Amino acid sequence: MNPKARKQFGQHWLRSDKALNAIVAAAKLNKSDRLLEIGPGTGILTRRLLPMVESVVAVEIDRDLCELLVKKLGNIDNFLLLQGDFLSLDLGTQLASFPNFQQPNKVVANIPYNITGPILEQLLGKIAQPRIPAFDLIVLLVQKEVAQRLYAKPSSRAFGALSVRVQYLAECELICDVPAKAFSPPPKVDSAVVRLRPRIMEPLVSEPKRLEQLLKLGFASKRKMLRNNLKSVVEIDHLSNLLEQLEVNPQARAENLSVAQWVALSNHLTHIA
């Protein structure tokens, strides 16, 4: 019998074998992998992961679930449960007390949808400060709409500032969609499994704050042409000429530029500033 899901923690219990199998397969696990699981819930995914890897470090905020997980999995040698809020937890400091558990090299998690953005930032870092060392692989079950933004291609409706920020830091791919009925209780939205492969994009952005400023302005009004959205920081004719140099239509909107073109635009404007 599963405990009652708590709305305050965004809890929905995944019960679909098909979805669980897809998550495990997407992680490309081997016995030397050390996993981080955020929000293990009742342990249904955790139990599948443990026999396949060197260790699983699970972070759970719900004290009642922690008691349940200890009863279910507490006697398994390669399982470590940390109680607390992942967003404020210093994982390195916590693990220092457990010499048998090294820093995780992969993340596999069904994360709370209401804090997806902050969790992504914790796992990937920021454009100005990528996470070091980076994880080898990150597999997440997220809200479908967010997933679409993560792997969106330029000129698509879903492509936005989040797409640029995440794709600068990682390759992102869709693994599969997961319908609401796969959960108990079912959320109000469908979900999707995504796989992120952290990497540093080349060329590097020379001034991350400048790129963040451009993204904020550029995507502020998606229906407007980029040159109009950025006119407060660069003269329209100059930007039109620069876009032509980047082989971008001067009448382009923010979503028409690829991540590489955003980096090139930012670096050029930083150079002439």
C-alpha atoms as a PDB file:
ATOM      1  CA  MET A   1       0.000   0.000   0.000  1.00  0.00           C
ATOM      2  CA  ASN A   2       1.545   3.285  -1.079  1.00  0.00           C
ATOM      3  CA  PRO A   3       1.405   6.227   1.325  1.00  0.00           C
ATOM      4  CA  LYS A   4      -0.765   9.186   0.415  1.00  0.00           C
ATOM      5  CA  ALA A   5       0.955  11.544  -2.023  1.00  0.00           C
ATOM      6  CA  ARG A   6       1.554  15.039  -0.655  1.00  0.00           C
ATOM      7  CA  LYS A   7       0.717  17.964  -2.897  1.00  0.00           C
ATOM      8  CA  GLN A   8       3.209  20.239  -1.111  1.00  0.00           C
ATOM      9  CA  PHE A   9       6.059  18.038  -2.348  1.00  0.00           C
ATOM     10  CA  GLY A  10       4.615  17.522  -5.836  1.00  0.00           C
ATOM     11  CA  GLN A  11       4.329  13.789  -5.245  1.00  0.00           C
ATOM     12  CA  HIS A  12       2.894  11.422  -7.859  1.00  0.00           C
ATOM     13  CA  TRP A  13       3.811   7.736  -7.713  1.00  0.00           C
ATOM     14  CA  LEU A  14       4.959   6.332 -11.046  1.00  0.00           C
ATOM     15  CA  ARG A  15       3.430   2.860 -11.471  1.00  0.00           C
ATOM     16  CA  SER A  16       3.985   2.086 -15.148  1.00  0.00           C
ATOM     17  CA  ASP A  17       6.464  -0.749 -15.789  1.00  0.00           C
ATOM     18  CA  LYS A  18       6.912   0.542 -19.327  1.00  0.00           C
ATOM     19  CA  ALA A  19       7.965   3.989 -18.106  1.00  0.00           C
ATOM     20  CA  LEU A  20      10.183   2.597 -15.352  1.00  0.00           C
ATOM     21  CA  ASN A  21      11.927   0.294 -17.826  1.00  0.00           C
ATOM     22  CA  ALA A  22      12.458   3.207 -20.216  1.00  0.00           C
ATOM     23  CA  ILE A  23      14.070   5.297 -17.468  1.00  0.00           C
ATOM     24  CA  VAL A  24      16.436   2.486 -16.468  1.00  0.00           C
ATOM     25  CA  ALA A  25      17.376   1.703 -20.088  1.00  0.00           C
ATOM     26  CA  ALA A  26      18.017   5.382 -20.869  1.00  0.00           C
ATOM     27  CA  ALA A  27      20.623   5.588 -18.102  1.00  0.00           C
ATOM     28  CA  LYS A  28      22.853   2.984 -19.824  1.00  0.00           C
ATOM     29  CA  LEU A  29      23.875   1.567 -16.465  1.00  0.00           C
ATOM     30  CA  ASN A  30      26.890  -0.539 -15.593  1.00  0.00           C
ATOM     31  CA  LYS A  31      28.195  -1.944 -12.314  1.00  0.00           C
ATOM     32  CA  SER A  32      30.687   0.870 -11.790  1.00  0.00           C
ATOM     33  CA  ASP A  33      28.039   3.619 -11.928  1.00  0.00           C
ATOM     34  CA  ARG A  34      27.272   5.645  -8.816  1.00  0.00           C
ATOM     35  CA  LEU A  35      23.773   7.106  -9.013  1.00  0.00           C
ATOM     36  CA  LEU A  36      22.051  10.102  -7.516  1.00  0.00           C
ATOM     37  CA  GLU A  37      18.276   9.797  -7.222  1.00  0.00           C
ATOM     38  CA  ILE A  38      16.268  12.883  -6.286  1.00  0.00           C
ATOM     39  CA  GLY A  39      12.918  12.192  -4.658  1.00  0.00           C
ATOM     40  CA  PRO A  40      12.894   8.361  -4.517  1.00  0.00           C
ATOM     41  CA  GLY A  41       9.365   8.416  -3.119  1.00  0.00           C
ATOM     42  CA  THR A  42       8.264   4.876  -2.299  1.00  0.00           C
ATOM     43  CA  GLY A  43      11.407   3.358  -3.817  1.00  0.00           C
ATOM     44  CA  ILE A  44       9.856   1.690  -6.857  1.00  0.00           C
ATOM     45  CA  LEU A  45      12.567   3.033  -9.202  1.00  0.00           C
ATOM     46  CA  THR A  46      15.297   2.736  -6.564  1.00  0.00           C
ATOM     47  CA  ARG A  47      14.682  -0.979  -6.152  1.00  0.00           C
ATOM     48  CA  ARG A  48      15.258  -1.523  -9.881  1.00  0.00           C
ATOM     49  CA  LEU A  49      18.454   0.516  -9.911  1.00  0.00           C
ATOM     50  CA  LEU A  50      20.269  -0.952  -6.911  1.00  0.00           C
ATOM     51  CA  PRO A  51      21.220  -4.390  -8.365  1.00  0.00           C
ATOM     52  CA  MET A  52      22.620  -2.769 -11.510  1.00  0.00           C
ATOM     53  CA  VAL A  53      25.108  -0.248 -10.064  1.00  0.00           C
ATOM     54  CA  GLU A  54      27.847   0.290  -7.519  1.00  0.00           C
ATOM     55  CA  SER A  55      25.701   2.597  -5.375  1.00  0.00           C
ATOM     56  CA  VAL A  56      22.572   4.732  -5.182  1.00  0.00           C
ATOM     57  CA  VAL A  57      22.496   7.911  -3.114  1.00  0.00           C
ATOM     58  CA  ALA A  58      18.871   8.993  -2.716  1.00  0.00           C
ATOM     59  CA  VAL A  59      17.764  12.391  -1.413  1.00  0.00           C
ATOM     60  CA  GLU A  60      14.237  12.565   0.003  1.00  0.00           C
ATOM     61  CA  ILE A  61      12.632  15.567   1.718  1.00  0.00           C
ATOM     62  CA  ASP A  62       9.596  13.738   3.143  1.00  0.00           C
ATOM     63  CA  ARG A  63      10.378  12.317   6.611  1.00  0.00           C
ATOM     64  CA  ASP A  64       7.556   9.769   6.446  1.00  0.00           C
ATOM     65  CA  LEU A  65       8.853   8.451   3.129  1.00  0.00           C
ATOM     66  CA  CYS A  66      12.354   8.266   4.573  1.00  0.00           C
ATOM     67  CA  GLU A  67      11.023   5.957   7.320  1.00  0.00           C
ATOM     68  CA  LEU A  68       9.328   3.817   4.671  1.00  0.00           C
ATOM     69  CA  LEU A  69      12.490   3.666   2.540  1.00  0.00           C
ATOM     70  CA  VAL A  70      14.594   2.634   5.519  1.00  0.00           C
ATOM     71  CA  LYS A  71      12.187  -0.225   6.206  1.00  0.00           C
ATOM     72  CA  LYS A  72      12.177  -1.321   2.550  1.00  0.00           C
ATOM     73  CA  LEU A  73      15.784  -0.763   1.514  1.00  0.00           C
ATOM     74  CA  GLY A  74      17.770   0.116   4.623  1.00  0.00           C
ATOM     75  CA  ASN A  75      19.558  -3.238   4.789  1.00  0.00           C
ATOM     76  CA  ILE A  76      20.957  -2.990   1.249  1.00  0.00           C
ATOM     77  CA  ASP A  77      24.681  -2.215   1.377  1.00  0.00           C
ATOM     78  CA  ASN A  78      24.894  -0.014  -1.740  1.00  0.00           C
ATOM     79  CA  PHE A  79      21.952   2.225  -0.773  1.00  0.00           C
ATOM     80  CA  LEU A  80      22.412   5.537   1.054  1.00  0.00           C
ATOM     81  CA  LEU A  81      19.416   7.677   1.990  1.00  0.00           C
ATOM     82  CA  LEU A  82      19.866  11.370   2.800  1.00  0.00           C
ATOM     83  CA  GLN A  83      16.907  13.209   4.299  1.00  0.00           C
ATOM     84  CA  GLY A  84      16.613  16.833   3.222  1.00  0.00           C
ATOM     85  CA  ASP A  85      15.879  19.345   0.499  1.00  0.00           C
ATOM     86  CA  PHE A  86      18.069  18.599  -2.525  1.00  0.00           C
ATOM     87  CA  LEU A  87      18.213  22.283  -3.464  1.00  0.00           C
ATOM     88  CA  SER A  88      19.886  23.222  -0.165  1.00  0.00           C
ATOM     89  CA  LEU A  89      21.823  20.013   0.440  1.00  0.00           C
ATOM     90  CA  ASP A  90      25.630  20.076   0.219  1.00  0.00           C
ATOM     91  CA  LEU A  91      26.060  16.630  -1.281  1.00  0.00           C
ATOM     92  CA  GLY A  92      29.855  16.653  -1.055  1.00  0.00           C
ATOM     93  CA  THR A  93      29.832  17.470   2.648  1.00  0.00           C
ATOM     94  CA  GLN A  94      27.177  14.863   3.354  1.00  0.00           C
ATOM     95  CA  LEU A  95      29.049  12.127   1.511  1.00  0.00           C
ATOM     96  CA  ALA A  96      32.259  12.888   3.411  1.00  0.00           C
ATOM     97  CA  SER A  97      30.694  11.054   6.351  1.00  0.00           C
ATOM     98  CA  PHE A  98      30.142   7.913   4.291  1.00  0.00           C
ATOM     99  CA  PRO A  99      33.500   6.665   2.911  1.00  0.00           C
ATOM    100  CA  ASN A 100      31.854   3.779   1.037  1.00  0.00           C
ATOM    101  CA  PHE A 101      29.896   6.205  -1.143  1.00  0.00           C
ATOM    102  CA  GLN A 102      31.746   8.332  -3.691  1.00  0.00           C
ATOM    103  CA  GLN A 103      30.371  11.276  -5.643  1.00  0.00           C
ATOM    104  CA  PRO A 104      27.671  10.067  -8.063  1.00  0.00           C
ATOM    105  CA  ASN A 105      28.537  10.087 -11.763  1.00  0.00           C
ATOM    106  CA  LYS A 106      24.961   9.766 -13.063  1.00  0.00           C
ATOM    107  CA  VAL A 107      21.534  11.058 -12.085  1.00  0.00           C
ATOM    108  CA  VAL A 108      18.320   9.071 -12.507  1.00  0.00           C
ATOM    109  CA  ALA A 109      15.195  10.652 -11.076  1.00  0.00           C
ATOM    110  CA  ASN A 110      11.485  11.339 -11.245  1.00  0.00           C
ATOM    111  CA  ILE A 111      11.723  14.915 -10.002  1.00  0.00           C
ATOM    112  CA  PRO A 112       9.063  17.209  -8.488  1.00  0.00           C
ATOM    113  CA  TYR A 113       7.718  19.285 -11.372  1.00  0.00           C
ATOM    114  CA  ASN A 114       7.290  22.445  -9.303  1.00  0.00           C
ATOM    115  CA  ILE A 115      11.062  22.797  -8.847  1.00  0.00           C
ATOM    116  CA  THR A 116      12.306  21.466 -12.202  1.00  0.00           C
ATOM    117  CA  GLY A 117      14.154  24.691 -13.086  1.00  0.00           C
ATOM    118  CA  PRO A 118      16.175  24.931  -9.859  1.00  0.00           C
ATOM    119  CA  ILE A 119      16.979  21.207  -9.996  1.00  0.00           C
ATOM    120  CA  LEU A 120      18.286  21.539 -13.558  1.00  0.00           C
ATOM    121  CA  GLU A 121      20.476  24.418 -12.430  1.00  0.00           C
ATOM    122  CA  GLN A 122      21.853  22.324  -9.571  1.00  0.00           C
ATOM    123  CA  LEU A 123      22.619  19.417 -11.897  1.00  0.00           C
ATOM    124  CA  LEU A 124      24.045  21.379 -14.834  1.00  0.00           C
ATOM    125  CA  GLY A 125      25.199  24.638 -13.290  1.00  0.00           C
ATOM    126  CA  LYS A 126      24.792  27.955 -15.069  1.00  0.00           C
ATOM    127  CA  ILE A 127      26.159  29.348 -18.312  1.00  0.00           C
ATOM    128  CA  ALA A 128      28.490  31.454 -16.178  1.00  0.00           C
ATOM    129  CA  GLN A 129      29.471  28.518 -13.965  1.00  0.00           C
ATOM    130  CA  PRO A 130      28.892  24.992 -15.329  1.00  0.00           C
ATOM    131  CA  ARG A 131      28.869  22.229 -12.747  1.00  0.00           C
ATOM    132  CA  ILE A 132      32.340  20.753 -12.190  1.00  0.00           C
ATOM    133  CA  PRO A 133      32.771  17.869 -12.260  1.00  0.00           C
ATOM    134  CA  ALA A 134      29.891  17.345 -14.650  1.00  0.00           C
ATOM    135  CA  PHE A 135      27.715  14.251 -14.440  1.00  0.00           C
ATOM    136  CA  ASP A 136      28.278  11.676 -17.168  1.00  0.00           C
ATOM    137  CA  LEU A 137      24.549  11.332 -17.800  1.00  0.00           C
ATOM    138  CA  ILE A 138      21.292  12.692 -16.391  1.00  0.00           C
ATOM    139  CA  VAL A 139      17.946  10.959 -16.948  1.00  0.00           C
ATOM    140  CA  LEU A 140      14.882  12.802 -15.695  1.00  0.00           C
ATOM    141  CA  LEU A 141      11.136  12.337 -15.770  1.00  0.00           C
ATOM    142  CA  VAL A 142       9.700  15.830 -16.165  1.00  0.00           C
ATOM    143  CA  GLN A 143       6.545  17.597 -17.261  1.00  0.00           C
ATOM    144  CA  LYS A 144       6.072  17.059 -21.005  1.00  0.00           C
ATOM    145  CA  GLU A 145       5.867  20.785 -21.752  1.00  0.00           C
ATOM    146  CA  VAL A 146       9.203  21.367 -20.023  1.00  0.00           C
ATOM    147  CA  ALA A 147      10.754  18.410 -21.839  1.00  0.00           C
ATOM    148  CA  GLN A 148       9.671  19.878 -25.165  1.00  0.00           C
ATOM    149  CA  ARG A 149      11.460  23.112 -24.283  1.00  0.00           C
ATOM    150  CA  LEU A 150      14.622  21.271 -23.259  1.00  0.00           C
ATOM    151  CA  TYR A 151      15.122  19.418 -26.556  1.00  0.00           C
ATOM    152  CA  ALA A 152      13.419  21.967 -28.847  1.00  0.00           C
ATOM    153  CA  LYS A 153      15.084  22.866 -32.129  1.00  0.00           C
ATOM    154  CA  PRO A 154      15.540  26.472 -33.337  1.00  0.00           C
ATOM    155  CA  SER A 155      12.497  27.942 -35.100  1.00  0.00           C
ATOM    156  CA  SER A 156      10.146  25.567 -33.277  1.00  0.00           C
ATOM    157  CA  ARG A 157       7.385  26.901 -31.071  1.00  0.00           C
ATOM    158  CA  ALA A 158       8.881  25.438 -27.896  1.00  0.00           C
ATOM    159  CA  PHE A 159      12.371  26.881 -28.437  1.00  0.00           C
ATOM    160  CA  GLY A 160      13.095  29.578 -25.870  1.00  0.00           C
ATOM    161  CA  ALA A 161      15.596  30.958 -23.383  1.00  0.00           C
ATOM    162  CA  LEU A 162      15.498  27.726 -21.322  1.00  0.00           C
ATOM    163  CA  SER A 163      16.343  25.749 -24.466  1.00  0.00           C
ATOM    164  CA  VAL A 164      19.430  27.897 -25.079  1.00  0.00           C
ATOM    165  CA  ARG A 165      20.601  27.778 -21.456  1.00  0.00           C
ATOM    166  CA  VAL A 166      20.272  23.998 -21.138  1.00  0.00           C
ATOM    167  CA  GLN A 167      21.563  23.134 -24.620  1.00  0.00           C
ATOM    168  CA  TYR A 168      24.640  25.286 -24.042  1.00  0.00           C
ATOM    169  CA  LEU A 169      25.449  23.001 -21.099  1.00  0.00           C
ATOM    170  CA  ALA A 170      24.210  19.624 -22.354  1.00  0.00           C
ATOM    171  CA  GLU A 171      22.941  17.606 -25.272  1.00  0.00           C
ATOM    172  CA  CYS A 172      19.283  16.813 -24.661  1.00  0.00           C
ATOM    173  CA  GLU A 173      17.121  14.110 -26.196  1.00  0.00           C
ATOM    174  CA  LEU A 174      13.603  12.801 -25.716  1.00  0.00           C
ATOM    175  CA  ILE A 175      13.392   9.174 -24.595  1.00  0.00           C
ATOM    176  CA  CYS A 176       9.629   8.710 -24.400  1.00  0.00           C
ATOM    177  CA  ASP A 177       6.347  10.325 -23.419  1.00  0.00           C
ATOM    178  CA  VAL A 178       4.624   9.195 -20.211  1.00  0.00           C
ATOM    179  CA  PRO A 179       0.862   9.745 -19.921  1.00  0.00           C
ATOM    180  CA  ALA A 180      -0.734  11.074 -16.745  1.00  0.00           C
ATOM    181  CA  LYS A 181      -2.463   7.732 -16.182  1.00  0.00           C
ATOM    182  CA  ALA A 182       0.952   6.151 -15.532  1.00  0.00           C
ATOM    183  CA  PHE A 183       0.950   7.824 -12.105  1.00  0.00           C
ATOM    184  CA  SER A 184      -1.061   7.500  -8.920  1.00  0.00           C
ATOM    185  CA  PRO A 185      -2.546   9.959  -8.307  1.00  0.00           C
ATOM    186  CA  PRO A 186      -2.383  11.146 -11.949  1.00  0.00           C
ATOM    187  CA  PRO A 187      -1.027  14.686 -12.409  1.00  0.00           C
ATOM    188  CA  LYS A 188      -2.945  17.212 -14.479  1.00  0.00           C
ATOM    189  CA  VAL A 189      -0.316  17.082 -17.231  1.00  0.00           C
ATOM    190  CA  ASP A 190       1.495  14.452 -19.263  1.00  0.00           C
ATOM    191  CA  SER A 191       5.172  13.774 -18.686  1.00  0.00           C
ATOM    192  CA  ALA A 192       8.261  12.736 -20.614  1.00  0.00           C
ATOM    193  CA  VAL A 193      11.628  11.114 -19.984  1.00  0.00           C
ATOM    194  CA  VAL A 194      14.634  13.133 -21.179  1.00  0.00           C
ATOM    195  CA  ARG A 195      18.335  12.313 -21.236  1.00  0.00           C
ATOM    196  CA  LEU A 196      20.962  15.014 -20.789  1.00  0.00           C
ATOM    197  CA  ARG A 197      24.642  14.558 -21.608  1.00  0.00           C
ATOM    198  CA  PRO A 198      26.531  17.444 -19.983  1.00  0.00           C
ATOM    199  CA  ARG A 199      29.247  19.015 -22.128  1.00  0.00           C
ATOM    200  CA  ILE A 200      30.761  22.426 -22.603  1.00  0.00           C
ATOM    201  CA  MET A 201      29.795  23.952 -25.923  1.00  0.00           C
ATOM    202  CA  GLU A 202      32.448  25.368 -28.223  1.00  0.00           C
ATOM    203  CA  PRO A 203      33.084  28.182 -28.746  1.00  0.00           C
ATOM    204  CA  LEU A 204      32.632  29.296 -25.156  1.00  0.00           C
ATOM    205  CA  VAL A 205      30.588  32.380 -24.436  1.00  0.00           C
ATOM    206  CA  SER A 206      33.072  35.083 -23.472  1.00  0.00           C
ATOM    207  CA  GLU A 207      30.720  37.073 -21.249  1.00  0.00           C
ATOM    208  CA  PRO A 208      27.912  34.954 -19.747  1.00  0.00           C
ATOM    209  CA  LYS A 209      26.119  37.960 -18.235  1.00  0.00           C
ATOM    210  CA  ARG A 210      25.859  39.527 -21.685  1.00  0.00           C
ATOM    211  CA  LEU A 211      24.321  36.350 -23.112  1.00  0.00           C
ATOM    212  CA  GLU A 212      21.833  36.154 -20.227  1.00  0.00           C
ATOM    213  CA  GLN A 213      20.862  39.778 -20.885  1.00  0.00           C
ATOM    214  CA  LEU A 214      20.359  39.114 -24.593  1.00  0.00           C
ATOM    215  CA  LEU A 215      18.269  36.013 -23.925  1.00  0.00           C
ATOM    216  CA  LYS A 216      16.055  37.846 -21.460  1.00  0.00           C
ATOM    217  CA  LEU A 217      15.472  40.721 -23.876  1.00  0.00           C
ATOM    218  CA  GLY A 218      15.312  38.599 -27.006  1.00  0.00           C
ATOM    219  CA  PHE A 219      12.642  36.228 -25.739  1.00  0.00           C
ATOM    220  CA  ALA A 220      10.682  38.868 -23.801  1.00  0.00           C
ATOM    221  CA  SER A 221       8.310  39.340 -26.725  1.00  0.00           C
ATOM    222  CA  LYS A 222       8.570  36.326 -29.025  1.00  0.00           C
ATOM    223  CA  ARG A 223       6.350  37.808 -31.727  1.00  0.00           C
ATOM    224  CA  LYS A 224       8.669  40.746 -32.301  1.00  0.00           C
ATOM    225  CA  MET A 225      11.742  40.644 -34.497  1.00  0.00           C
ATOM    226  CA  LEU A 226      14.956  40.201 -32.558  1.00  0.00           C
ATOM    227  CA  ARG A 227      16.344  43.546 -33.701  1.00  0.00           C
ATOM    228  CA  ASN A 228      13.374  45.303 -32.092  1.00  0.00           C
ATOM    229  CA  ASN A 229      13.680  43.377 -28.836  1.00  0.00           C
ATOM    230  CA  LEU A 230      17.392  44.209 -28.588  1.00  0.00           C
ATOM    231  CA  LYS A 231      17.254  47.840 -29.678  1.00  0.00           C
ATOM    232  CA  SER A 232      17.896  48.998 -26.104  1.00  0.00           C
ATOM    233  CA  VAL A 233      21.378  47.433 -26.177  1.00  0.00           C
ATOM    234  CA  VAL A 234      22.380  47.541 -29.856  1.00  0.00           C
ATOM    235  CA  GLU A 235      21.448  49.849 -32.705  1.00  0.00           C
ATOM    236  CA  ILE A 236      18.988  48.212 -35.118  1.00  0.00           C
ATOM    237  CA  ASP A 237      21.006  48.684 -38.323  1.00  0.00           C
ATOM    238  CA  HIS A 238      24.158  47.368 -36.686  1.00  0.00           C
ATOM    239  CA  LEU A 239      22.316  44.302 -35.397  1.00  0.00           C
ATOM    240  CA  SER A 240      20.823  43.677 -38.844  1.00  0.00           C
ATOM    241  CA  ASN A 241      24.312  43.717 -40.369  1.00  0.00           C
ATOM    242  CA  LEU A 242      25.604  41.408 -37.661  1.00  0.00           C
ATOM    243  CA  LEU A 243      22.762  38.942 -38.195  1.00  0.00           C
ATOM    244  CA  GLU A 244      23.593  38.840 -41.902  1.00  0.00           C
ATOM    245  CA  GLN A 245      27.212  38.016 -41.012  1.00  0.00           C
ATOM    246  CA  LEU A 246      25.908  35.151 -38.881  1.00  0.00           C
ATOM    247  CA  GLU A 247      23.801  33.995 -41.855  1.00  0.00           C
ATOM    248  CA  VAL A 248      20.608  34.848 -40.000  1.00  0.00           C
ATOM    249  CA  ASN A 249      17.686  36.674 -41.606  1.00  0.00           C
ATOM    250  CA  PRO A 250      17.722  40.258 -40.241  1.00  0.00           C
ATOM    251  CA  GLN A 251      13.979  39.883 -39.684  1.00  0.00           C
ATOM    252  CA  ALA A 252      14.497  36.795 -37.519  1.00  0.00           C
ATOM    253  CA  ARG A 253      12.825  36.338 -34.165  1.00  0.00           C
ATOM    254  CA  ALA A 254      14.639  35.094 -31.075  1.00  0.00           C
ATOM    255  CA  GLU A 255      13.640  31.463 -31.608  1.00  0.00           C
ATOM    256  CA  ASN A 256      15.163  31.400 -35.100  1.00  0.00           C
ATOM    257  CA  LEU A 257      18.747  31.570 -33.787  1.00  0.00           C
ATOM    258  CA  SER A 258      20.545  28.364 -32.859  1.00  0.00           C
ATOM    259  CA  VAL A 259      22.445  28.087 -29.585  1.00  0.00           C
ATOM    260  CA  ALA A 260      25.733  28.555 -31.470  1.00  0.00           C
ATOM    261  CA  GLN A 261      24.366  31.699 -33.139  1.00  0.00           C
ATOM    262  CA  TRP A 262      23.283  33.109 -29.774  1.00  0.00           C
ATOM    263  CA  VAL A 263      26.811  32.531 -28.459  1.00  0.00           C
ATOM    264  CA  ALA A 264      28.344  34.132 -31.562  1.00  0.00           C
ATOM    265  CA  LEU A 265      26.019  37.129 -31.270  1.00  0.00           C
ATOM    266  CA  SER A 266      26.841  37.596 -27.602  1.00  0.00           C
ATOM    267  CA  ASN A 267      30.591  37.270 -28.162  1.00  0.00           C
ATOM    268  CA  HIS A 268      30.560  39.782 -30.995  1.00  0.00           C
ATOM    269  CA  LEU A 269      28.570  42.348 -29.019  1.00  0.00           C
ATOM    270  CA  THR A 270      30.849  41.835 -26.023  1.00  0.00           C
ATOM    271  CA  HIS A 271      33.896  42.349 -28.240  1.00  0.00           C
ATOM    272  CA  ILE A 272      32.671  45.683 -29.560  1.00  0.00           C
ATOM    273  CA  ALA A 273      31.254  46.925 -26.266  1.00  0.00           C
END
